[in-house]
Amino acid sequence: MEGQRAPGIGRIATKYGVIHGLIAFVIFLVGALSGLQQSWLMSVLNIAVLVVLMVLAHREFKATHEGMMKYSQGLGSGTLLAVVSSVVTCVLVFIYVKFINTGYFAAAMKAQEAALAQRGITGAQAQQAMAMTGMIMTPVGIVVTSLIAGVITGFVVALIVSIFTQKGDPRAVI
């Protein structure tokens, strides 16, 4: 009878990445439906959930690998978790804004225009800002920017979390 192989970094990171992607989409939906589309509170909540899931993924990896995880393994699994999460979230957001809530971008543009007016930005400056926002406010634009931002944020979070979750081999000779 052969012993079972411990799950690898990829499998664990993918599992937690899918979980985070689904949770991040729910956070997006809550923000979109409540009008808090780009609230700092939603961003903080999303990052907090990412940190918790990354710690859980690292804990699971260590539990199946004799309690050890190198920094590089933690960084790699955390980054992979963020990539999987970003892809899952972006696919779901794309489906939502392209097919389910086709008025999402019009509402987001109005909210952006109101925010600019509230800050006292009017005229040519406001038109220029709205033109730049309009380039991003398309289904493909939001997917690309969200994917890039999600991967970069996840990498930075993985850099930090891995410092605290790494555990070397105590029998290793330095």
N, C-alpha and C. Protein backbone atom coordinates (compact mmCIF):
# COMPACT_ATOMS: atom_id res chain seq x y z
N MET A 1 0.84 -1.17 0.00
CA MET A 1 0.00 0.00 0.00
C MET A 1 0.89 1.25 0.00
N GLU A 2 0.68 2.12 -0.99
CA GLU A 2 1.48 3.32 -1.10
C GLU A 2 0.85 4.45 -0.31
N GLY A 3 1.69 5.31 0.24
CA GLY A 3 1.20 6.50 0.95
C GLY A 3 0.67 7.52 -0.06
N GLN A 4 -0.30 8.27 0.36
CA GLN A 4 -0.85 9.29 -0.53
C GLN A 4 0.08 10.49 -0.55
N ARG A 5 0.21 11.08 -1.74
CA ARG A 5 1.02 12.28 -1.88
C ARG A 5 0.28 13.46 -1.27
N ALA A 6 1.04 14.33 -0.65
CA ALA A 6 0.45 15.55 -0.08
C ALA A 6 0.05 16.47 -1.22
N PRO A 7 -1.04 17.22 -1.05
CA PRO A 7 -1.45 18.14 -2.12
C PRO A 7 -0.38 19.20 -2.35
N GLY A 8 -0.17 19.53 -3.60
CA GLY A 8 0.85 20.50 -3.94
C GLY A 8 0.39 21.93 -3.76
N ILE A 9 1.34 22.83 -3.95
CA ILE A 9 1.06 24.26 -3.81
C ILE A 9 -0.04 24.68 -4.77
N GLY A 10 0.04 24.21 -6.00
CA GLY A 10 -0.92 24.61 -7.02
C GLY A 10 -2.35 24.25 -6.67
N ARG A 11 -2.54 23.05 -6.17
CA ARG A 11 -3.90 22.60 -5.83
C ARG A 11 -4.48 23.40 -4.68
N ILE A 12 -3.67 23.62 -3.66
CA ILE A 12 -4.15 24.37 -2.49
C ILE A 12 -4.42 25.83 -2.87
N ALA A 13 -3.50 26.44 -3.61
CA ALA A 13 -3.66 27.84 -4.01
C ALA A 13 -4.87 28.01 -4.92
N THR A 14 -5.09 27.05 -5.80
CA THR A 14 -6.25 27.13 -6.70
C THR A 14 -7.55 27.04 -5.92
N LYS A 15 -7.60 26.13 -4.96
CA LYS A 15 -8.80 25.98 -4.14
C LYS A 15 -9.14 27.29 -3.42
N TYR A 16 -8.17 27.86 -2.75
CA TYR A 16 -8.42 29.10 -2.01
C TYR A 16 -8.59 30.30 -2.96
N GLY A 17 -7.97 30.25 -4.13
CA GLY A 17 -8.16 31.30 -5.13
C GLY A 17 -9.58 31.34 -5.65
N VAL A 18 -10.15 30.16 -5.91
CA VAL A 18 -11.55 30.10 -6.36
C VAL A 18 -12.47 30.62 -5.26
N ILE A 19 -12.19 30.23 -4.02
CA ILE A 19 -13.02 30.70 -2.90
C ILE A 19 -12.95 32.22 -2.82
N HIS A 20 -11.73 32.78 -2.90
CA HIS A 20 -11.60 34.24 -2.82
C HIS A 20 -12.23 34.92 -4.02
N GLY A 21 -12.10 34.32 -5.20
CA GLY A 21 -12.71 34.92 -6.39
C GLY A 21 -14.22 35.03 -6.24
N LEU A 22 -14.85 34.00 -5.70
CA LEU A 22 -16.30 34.04 -5.49
C LEU A 22 -16.68 35.07 -4.42
N ILE A 23 -15.92 35.11 -3.33
CA ILE A 23 -16.20 36.10 -2.29
C ILE A 23 -15.98 37.52 -2.81
N ALA A 24 -14.92 37.72 -3.59
CA ALA A 24 -14.65 39.05 -4.15
C ALA A 24 -15.76 39.48 -5.10
N PHE A 25 -16.33 38.53 -5.84
CA PHE A 25 -17.45 38.87 -6.73
C PHE A 25 -18.68 39.26 -5.91
N VAL A 26 -18.92 38.56 -4.82
CA VAL A 26 -20.05 38.92 -3.95
C VAL A 26 -19.83 40.32 -3.37
N ILE A 27 -18.60 40.64 -2.97
CA ILE A 27 -18.29 41.98 -2.48
C ILE A 27 -18.53 43.01 -3.57
N PHE A 28 -18.13 42.69 -4.81
CA PHE A 28 -18.39 43.58 -5.95
C PHE A 28 -19.89 43.79 -6.14
N LEU A 29 -20.65 42.70 -6.08
CA LEU A 29 -22.10 42.81 -6.25
C LEU A 29 -22.74 43.67 -5.17
N VAL A 30 -22.32 43.47 -3.94
CA VAL A 30 -22.85 44.28 -2.84
C VAL A 30 -22.54 45.76 -3.10
N GLY A 31 -21.33 46.04 -3.51
CA GLY A 31 -20.95 47.42 -3.83
C GLY A 31 -21.72 47.98 -5.00
N ALA A 32 -21.89 47.19 -6.03
CA ALA A 32 -22.60 47.66 -7.23
C ALA A 32 -24.08 47.89 -6.94
N LEU A 33 -24.67 47.01 -6.18
CA LEU A 33 -26.10 47.13 -5.91
C LEU A 33 -26.42 48.18 -4.85
N SER A 34 -25.44 48.49 -4.00
CA SER A 34 -25.68 49.50 -2.96
C SER A 34 -25.17 50.88 -3.35
N GLY A 35 -24.50 50.98 -4.47
CA GLY A 35 -23.99 52.28 -4.92
C GLY A 35 -22.61 52.61 -4.39
N LEU A 36 -21.96 51.70 -3.71
CA LEU A 36 -20.61 51.92 -3.18
C LEU A 36 -19.57 51.32 -4.13
N GLN A 37 -19.70 51.60 -5.42
CA GLN A 37 -18.91 50.89 -6.42
C GLN A 37 -17.41 50.91 -6.17
N GLN A 38 -16.84 52.05 -5.85
CA GLN A 38 -15.40 52.11 -5.67
C GLN A 38 -15.06 52.61 -4.27
N SER A 39 -15.73 52.10 -3.30
CA SER A 39 -15.53 52.52 -1.92
C SER A 39 -14.24 51.93 -1.36
N TRP A 40 -13.55 52.70 -0.57
CA TRP A 40 -12.33 52.20 0.09
C TRP A 40 -12.68 51.07 1.05
N LEU A 41 -13.90 51.10 1.60
CA LEU A 41 -14.33 50.05 2.51
C LEU A 41 -14.39 48.70 1.80
N MET A 42 -14.87 48.69 0.56
CA MET A 42 -14.93 47.45 -0.22
C MET A 42 -13.52 46.92 -0.51
N SER A 43 -12.60 47.83 -0.79
CA SER A 43 -11.21 47.43 -1.05
C SER A 43 -10.56 46.84 0.19
N VAL A 44 -10.76 47.48 1.32
CA VAL A 44 -10.18 46.98 2.58
C VAL A 44 -10.77 45.61 2.92
N LEU A 45 -12.08 45.47 2.76
CA LEU A 45 -12.73 44.19 3.03
C LEU A 45 -12.18 43.09 2.12
N ASN A 46 -12.02 43.40 0.85
CA ASN A 46 -11.49 42.43 -0.11
C ASN A 46 -10.07 42.01 0.25
N ILE A 47 -9.22 42.96 0.64
CA ILE A 47 -7.84 42.64 1.00
C ILE A 47 -7.81 41.83 2.30
N ALA A 48 -8.68 42.18 3.25
CA ALA A 48 -8.73 41.42 4.52
C ALA A 48 -9.12 39.96 4.26
N VAL A 49 -10.09 39.74 3.40
CA VAL A 49 -10.50 38.38 3.06
C VAL A 49 -9.34 37.66 2.36
N LEU A 50 -8.63 38.35 1.49
CA LEU A 50 -7.48 37.76 0.81
C LEU A 50 -6.41 37.33 1.81
N VAL A 51 -6.12 38.17 2.78
CA VAL A 51 -5.11 37.84 3.79
C VAL A 51 -5.52 36.60 4.57
N VAL A 52 -6.77 36.57 5.01
CA VAL A 52 -7.26 35.43 5.79
C VAL A 52 -7.16 34.14 4.97
N LEU A 53 -7.62 34.18 3.74
CA LEU A 53 -7.58 32.97 2.91
C LEU A 53 -6.15 32.55 2.57
N MET A 54 -5.25 33.52 2.42
CA MET A 54 -3.86 33.20 2.14
C MET A 54 -3.22 32.53 3.36
N VAL A 55 -3.52 33.03 4.54
CA VAL A 55 -3.01 32.40 5.76
C VAL A 55 -3.55 30.98 5.89
N LEU A 56 -4.84 30.79 5.58
CA LEU A 56 -5.43 29.44 5.63
C LEU A 56 -4.78 28.51 4.61
N ALA A 57 -4.50 29.02 3.42
CA ALA A 57 -3.84 28.21 2.40
C ALA A 57 -2.44 27.82 2.86
N HIS A 58 -1.72 28.76 3.43
CA HIS A 58 -0.37 28.45 3.93
C HIS A 58 -0.43 27.45 5.08
N ARG A 59 -1.42 27.60 5.93
CA ARG A 59 -1.59 26.66 7.06
C ARG A 59 -1.87 25.26 6.53
N GLU A 60 -2.73 25.16 5.52
CA GLU A 60 -3.04 23.84 4.94
C GLU A 60 -1.80 23.23 4.30
N PHE A 61 -1.03 24.05 3.60
CA PHE A 61 0.19 23.55 2.97
C PHE A 61 1.16 23.02 4.03
N LYS A 62 1.35 23.78 5.10
CA LYS A 62 2.26 23.34 6.16
C LYS A 62 1.75 22.08 6.85
N ALA A 63 0.44 21.98 7.01
CA ALA A 63 -0.13 20.79 7.66
C ALA A 63 0.12 19.52 6.84
N THR A 64 0.23 19.66 5.54
CA THR A 64 0.44 18.49 4.69
C THR A 64 1.90 18.31 4.28
N HIS A 65 2.78 19.18 4.76
CA HIS A 65 4.20 19.10 4.41
C HIS A 65 5.09 19.20 5.64
N GLU A 66 4.78 18.40 6.63
CA GLU A 66 5.58 18.27 7.84
C GLU A 66 5.78 19.60 8.57
N GLY A 67 4.81 20.50 8.46
CA GLY A 67 4.86 21.77 9.18
C GLY A 67 5.83 22.79 8.61
N MET A 68 6.32 22.54 7.39
CA MET A 68 7.33 23.44 6.82
C MET A 68 6.83 24.08 5.53
N MET A 69 7.27 25.32 5.32
CA MET A 69 7.00 26.04 4.09
C MET A 69 8.06 27.12 3.94
N LYS A 70 8.82 27.06 2.86
CA LYS A 70 9.83 28.08 2.60
C LYS A 70 9.13 29.38 2.22
N TYR A 71 9.86 30.47 2.37
CA TYR A 71 9.31 31.78 1.98
C TYR A 71 8.90 31.77 0.51
N SER A 72 9.76 31.19 -0.33
CA SER A 72 9.46 31.17 -1.77
C SER A 72 8.20 30.37 -2.07
N GLN A 73 7.96 29.30 -1.31
CA GLN A 73 6.74 28.52 -1.50
C GLN A 73 5.52 29.33 -1.09
N GLY A 74 5.63 30.06 0.00
CA GLY A 74 4.53 30.91 0.43
C GLY A 74 4.25 32.02 -0.56
N LEU A 75 5.31 32.63 -1.07
CA LEU A 75 5.15 33.70 -2.06
C LEU A 75 4.54 33.15 -3.34
N GLY A 76 5.00 32.00 -3.77
CA GLY A 76 4.46 31.39 -4.99
C GLY A 76 3.01 31.00 -4.84
N SER A 77 2.67 30.38 -3.72
CA SER A 77 1.27 29.96 -3.54
C SER A 77 0.36 31.16 -3.35
N GLY A 78 0.83 32.18 -2.64
CA GLY A 78 0.02 33.39 -2.46
C GLY A 78 -0.21 34.12 -3.77
N THR A 79 0.82 34.18 -4.60
CA THR A 79 0.66 34.83 -5.90
C THR A 79 -0.27 34.04 -6.80
N LEU A 80 -0.12 32.72 -6.81
CA LEU A 80 -1.02 31.88 -7.61
C LEU A 80 -2.45 32.02 -7.12
N LEU A 81 -2.64 32.04 -5.81
CA LEU A 81 -3.97 32.25 -5.24
C LEU A 81 -4.57 33.55 -5.77
N ALA A 82 -3.77 34.63 -5.79
CA ALA A 82 -4.25 35.92 -6.27
C ALA A 82 -4.58 35.90 -7.77
N VAL A 83 -3.77 35.21 -8.54
CA VAL A 83 -4.02 35.12 -9.98
C VAL A 83 -5.33 34.37 -10.24
N VAL A 84 -5.50 33.22 -9.59
CA VAL A 84 -6.74 32.44 -9.77
C VAL A 84 -7.94 33.26 -9.31
N SER A 85 -7.80 33.91 -8.17
CA SER A 85 -8.89 34.73 -7.65
C SER A 85 -9.25 35.85 -8.62
N SER A 86 -8.25 36.52 -9.15
CA SER A 86 -8.49 37.63 -10.09
C SER A 86 -9.17 37.14 -11.36
N VAL A 87 -8.74 36.01 -11.88
CA VAL A 87 -9.36 35.47 -13.10
C VAL A 87 -10.82 35.12 -12.84
N VAL A 88 -11.09 34.43 -11.73
CA VAL A 88 -12.48 34.04 -11.40
C VAL A 88 -13.35 35.29 -11.25
N THR A 89 -12.86 36.27 -10.49
CA THR A 89 -13.63 37.49 -10.27
C THR A 89 -13.87 38.23 -11.59
N CYS A 90 -12.83 38.35 -12.40
CA CYS A 90 -12.96 39.08 -13.66
C CYS A 90 -13.95 38.41 -14.61
N VAL A 91 -13.93 37.09 -14.68
CA VAL A 91 -14.88 36.39 -15.54
C VAL A 91 -16.31 36.65 -15.07
N LEU A 92 -16.53 36.56 -13.76
CA LEU A 92 -17.88 36.79 -13.22
C LEU A 92 -18.32 38.24 -13.39
N VAL A 93 -17.41 39.19 -13.17
CA VAL A 93 -17.74 40.60 -13.37
C VAL A 93 -18.06 40.87 -14.84
N PHE A 94 -17.27 40.29 -15.73
CA PHE A 94 -17.52 40.47 -17.16
C PHE A 94 -18.92 39.98 -17.53
N ILE A 95 -19.26 38.79 -17.08
CA ILE A 95 -20.60 38.26 -17.37
C ILE A 95 -21.67 39.17 -16.79
N TYR A 96 -21.45 39.67 -15.58
CA TYR A 96 -22.43 40.53 -14.92
C TYR A 96 -22.64 41.84 -15.69
N VAL A 97 -21.55 42.53 -16.04
CA VAL A 97 -21.69 43.84 -16.69
C VAL A 97 -22.03 43.74 -18.17
N LYS A 98 -21.69 42.65 -18.79
CA LYS A 98 -21.96 42.49 -20.23
C LYS A 98 -23.36 41.98 -20.50
N PHE A 99 -23.85 41.06 -19.66
CA PHE A 99 -25.12 40.40 -19.97
C PHE A 99 -26.23 40.62 -18.93
N ILE A 100 -25.89 40.79 -17.68
CA ILE A 100 -26.92 40.87 -16.64
C ILE A 100 -27.31 42.32 -16.34
N ASN A 101 -26.33 43.15 -16.01
CA ASN A 101 -26.61 44.55 -15.68
C ASN A 101 -25.93 45.43 -16.73
N THR A 102 -26.55 45.55 -17.88
CA THR A 102 -25.95 46.30 -18.97
C THR A 102 -25.91 47.80 -18.71
N GLY A 103 -26.65 48.28 -17.73
CA GLY A 103 -26.63 49.70 -17.37
C GLY A 103 -25.61 50.04 -16.30
N TYR A 104 -24.78 49.08 -15.94
CA TYR A 104 -23.79 49.31 -14.88
C TYR A 104 -22.85 50.46 -15.22
N PHE A 105 -22.34 50.50 -16.44
CA PHE A 105 -21.36 51.52 -16.80
C PHE A 105 -21.98 52.91 -16.87
N ALA A 106 -23.21 53.01 -17.34
CA ALA A 106 -23.88 54.32 -17.38
C ALA A 106 -24.05 54.85 -15.96
N ALA A 107 -24.45 53.99 -15.05
CA ALA A 107 -24.61 54.41 -13.65
C ALA A 107 -23.26 54.78 -13.04
N ALA A 108 -22.23 54.01 -13.34
CA ALA A 108 -20.89 54.30 -12.81
C ALA A 108 -20.36 55.62 -13.35
N MET A 109 -20.63 55.92 -14.62
CA MET A 109 -20.20 57.18 -15.21
C MET A 109 -20.92 58.36 -14.56
N LYS A 110 -22.21 58.21 -14.31
CA LYS A 110 -22.97 59.28 -13.63
C LYS A 110 -22.43 59.51 -12.22
N ALA A 111 -22.13 58.43 -11.53
CA ALA A 111 -21.59 58.54 -10.17
C ALA A 111 -20.23 59.24 -10.20
N GLN A 112 -19.42 58.92 -11.19
CA GLN A 112 -18.10 59.54 -11.32
C GLN A 112 -18.25 61.03 -11.63
N GLU A 113 -19.17 61.35 -12.50
CA GLU A 113 -19.42 62.76 -12.85
C GLU A 113 -19.89 63.54 -11.62
N ALA A 114 -20.77 62.95 -10.83
CA ALA A 114 -21.25 63.60 -9.61
C ALA A 114 -20.12 63.78 -8.60
N ALA A 115 -19.24 62.79 -8.50
CA ALA A 115 -18.10 62.90 -7.59
C ALA A 115 -17.15 64.01 -8.01
N LEU A 116 -16.94 64.15 -9.31
CA LEU A 116 -16.09 65.24 -9.81
C LEU A 116 -16.72 66.60 -9.51
N ALA A 117 -18.02 66.72 -9.74
CA ALA A 117 -18.72 67.98 -9.48
C ALA A 117 -18.68 68.32 -8.00
N GLN A 118 -18.80 67.31 -7.15
CA GLN A 118 -18.77 67.53 -5.71
C GLN A 118 -17.41 68.06 -5.25
N ARG A 119 -16.36 67.62 -5.94
CA ARG A 119 -15.01 68.10 -5.61
C ARG A 119 -14.69 69.43 -6.29
N GLY A 120 -15.62 69.95 -7.05
CA GLY A 120 -15.43 71.25 -7.69
C GLY A 120 -14.71 71.19 -9.03
N ILE A 121 -14.62 70.03 -9.60
CA ILE A 121 -13.96 69.87 -10.91
C ILE A 121 -15.04 69.96 -11.98
N THR A 122 -14.96 70.99 -12.80
CA THR A 122 -15.95 71.19 -13.86
C THR A 122 -15.23 71.60 -15.14
N GLY A 123 -15.99 71.74 -16.20
CA GLY A 123 -15.45 72.22 -17.47
C GLY A 123 -14.55 71.23 -18.16
N ALA A 124 -13.46 71.76 -18.73
CA ALA A 124 -12.54 70.96 -19.54
C ALA A 124 -11.87 69.87 -18.72
N GLN A 125 -11.54 70.20 -17.46
CA GLN A 125 -10.91 69.19 -16.61
C GLN A 125 -11.83 68.00 -16.38
N ALA A 126 -13.10 68.29 -16.13
CA ALA A 126 -14.08 67.23 -15.91
C ALA A 126 -14.27 66.41 -17.17
N GLN A 127 -14.31 67.06 -18.33
CA GLN A 127 -14.48 66.34 -19.60
C GLN A 127 -13.29 65.43 -19.87
N GLN A 128 -12.10 65.91 -19.56
CA GLN A 128 -10.90 65.10 -19.76
C GLN A 128 -10.92 63.89 -18.82
N ALA A 129 -11.28 64.10 -17.57
CA ALA A 129 -11.35 62.99 -16.62
C ALA A 129 -12.41 61.98 -17.04
N MET A 130 -13.54 62.46 -17.51
CA MET A 130 -14.60 61.56 -17.93
C MET A 130 -14.20 60.79 -19.19
N ALA A 131 -13.44 61.41 -20.07
CA ALA A 131 -12.97 60.71 -21.27
C ALA A 131 -12.03 59.57 -20.89
N MET A 132 -11.16 59.83 -19.92
CA MET A 132 -10.24 58.78 -19.47
C MET A 132 -11.01 57.66 -18.76
N THR A 133 -11.99 58.04 -17.95
CA THR A 133 -12.81 57.05 -17.26
C THR A 133 -13.60 56.22 -18.28
N GLY A 134 -14.09 56.88 -19.33
CA GLY A 134 -14.87 56.20 -20.36
C GLY A 134 -14.08 55.11 -21.08
N MET A 135 -12.76 55.30 -21.21
CA MET A 135 -11.93 54.28 -21.86
C MET A 135 -11.86 53.01 -21.02
N ILE A 136 -11.86 53.19 -19.71
CA ILE A 136 -11.77 52.04 -18.81
C ILE A 136 -13.14 51.41 -18.59
N MET A 137 -14.19 52.21 -18.63
CA MET A 137 -15.54 51.73 -18.32
C MET A 137 -16.18 50.99 -19.49
N THR A 138 -15.56 49.90 -19.86
CA THR A 138 -16.12 48.96 -20.83
C THR A 138 -15.95 47.58 -20.21
N PRO A 139 -16.69 46.59 -20.67
CA PRO A 139 -16.50 45.26 -20.09
C PRO A 139 -15.05 44.76 -20.16
N VAL A 140 -14.41 44.95 -21.29
CA VAL A 140 -13.02 44.49 -21.44
C VAL A 140 -12.09 45.37 -20.61
N GLY A 141 -12.33 46.67 -20.60
CA GLY A 141 -11.48 47.59 -19.83
C GLY A 141 -11.49 47.28 -18.35
N ILE A 142 -12.67 47.02 -17.81
CA ILE A 142 -12.76 46.73 -16.38
C ILE A 142 -12.12 45.38 -16.06
N VAL A 143 -12.22 44.42 -16.97
CA VAL A 143 -11.59 43.11 -16.74
C VAL A 143 -10.07 43.25 -16.74
N VAL A 144 -9.54 43.96 -17.72
CA VAL A 144 -8.08 44.11 -17.82
C VAL A 144 -7.53 44.85 -16.60
N THR A 145 -8.14 45.98 -16.26
CA THR A 145 -7.63 46.75 -15.12
C THR A 145 -7.80 45.99 -13.81
N SER A 146 -8.91 45.29 -13.66
CA SER A 146 -9.14 44.51 -12.43
C SER A 146 -8.16 43.34 -12.34
N LEU A 147 -7.87 42.71 -13.45
CA LEU A 147 -6.93 41.59 -13.45
C LEU A 147 -5.53 42.06 -13.06
N ILE A 148 -5.09 43.15 -13.66
CA ILE A 148 -3.76 43.69 -13.34
C ILE A 148 -3.69 44.13 -11.88
N ALA A 149 -4.70 44.87 -11.43
CA ALA A 149 -4.71 45.34 -10.04
C ALA A 149 -4.79 44.18 -9.06
N GLY A 150 -5.57 43.17 -9.37
CA GLY A 150 -5.71 42.01 -8.49
C GLY A 150 -4.43 41.22 -8.35
N VAL A 151 -3.72 41.03 -9.45
CA VAL A 151 -2.47 40.28 -9.41
C VAL A 151 -1.40 41.06 -8.65
N ILE A 152 -1.29 42.36 -8.91
CA ILE A 152 -0.28 43.18 -8.22
C ILE A 152 -0.58 43.23 -6.72
N THR A 153 -1.84 43.48 -6.38
CA THR A 153 -2.22 43.52 -4.96
C THR A 153 -1.96 42.18 -4.29
N GLY A 154 -2.34 41.10 -4.96
CA GLY A 154 -2.12 39.76 -4.40
C GLY A 154 -0.65 39.45 -4.20
N PHE A 155 0.19 39.88 -5.14
CA PHE A 155 1.62 39.65 -5.01
C PHE A 155 2.19 40.40 -3.80
N VAL A 156 1.77 41.65 -3.62
CA VAL A 156 2.24 42.44 -2.48
C VAL A 156 1.77 41.81 -1.16
N VAL A 157 0.50 41.38 -1.14
CA VAL A 157 -0.03 40.73 0.06
C VAL A 157 0.75 39.43 0.32
N ALA A 158 1.05 38.67 -0.72
CA ALA A 158 1.80 37.42 -0.56
C ALA A 158 3.22 37.69 -0.06
N LEU A 159 3.84 38.77 -0.51
CA LEU A 159 5.16 39.14 -0.01
C LEU A 159 5.13 39.33 1.51
N ILE A 160 4.10 40.01 1.99
CA ILE A 160 4.00 40.31 3.41
C ILE A 160 3.56 39.09 4.22
N VAL A 161 2.50 38.43 3.78
CA VAL A 161 1.95 37.29 4.53
C VAL A 161 2.99 36.17 4.64
N SER A 162 3.74 35.93 3.59
CA SER A 162 4.72 34.84 3.59
C SER A 162 5.83 35.05 4.60
N ILE A 163 6.10 36.30 4.94
CA ILE A 163 7.11 36.57 5.97
C ILE A 163 6.68 35.95 7.29
N PHE A 164 5.39 36.05 7.59
CA PHE A 164 4.89 35.58 8.87
C PHE A 164 4.48 34.11 8.87
N THR A 165 4.20 33.55 7.70
CA THR A 165 3.73 32.16 7.67
C THR A 165 4.81 31.15 7.31
N GLN A 166 5.97 31.62 6.89
CA GLN A 166 7.04 30.68 6.52
C GLN A 166 7.53 29.91 7.74
N LYS A 167 7.97 28.71 7.49
CA LYS A 167 8.54 27.90 8.58
C LYS A 167 9.57 26.98 7.95
N GLY A 168 10.81 27.19 8.30
CA GLY A 168 11.90 26.39 7.75
C GLY A 168 12.06 25.06 8.45
N ASP A 169 12.91 24.24 7.92
CA ASP A 169 13.22 22.94 8.49
C ASP A 169 14.16 23.13 9.67
N PRO A 170 13.74 22.76 10.89
CA PRO A 170 14.59 22.97 12.04
C PRO A 170 15.83 22.07 12.03
N ARG A 171 15.82 21.02 11.22
CA ARG A 171 16.99 20.11 11.14
C ARG A 171 18.01 20.60 10.13
N ALA A 172 17.68 21.64 9.38
CA ALA A 172 18.56 22.11 8.32
C ALA A 172 19.84 22.71 8.91
N VAL A 173 20.95 22.49 8.23
CA VAL A 173 22.22 23.04 8.64
C VAL A 173 22.40 24.34 7.89
N ILE A 174 22.71 25.37 8.66
CA ILE A 174 22.85 26.70 8.02
C ILE A 174 24.28 26.94 7.68
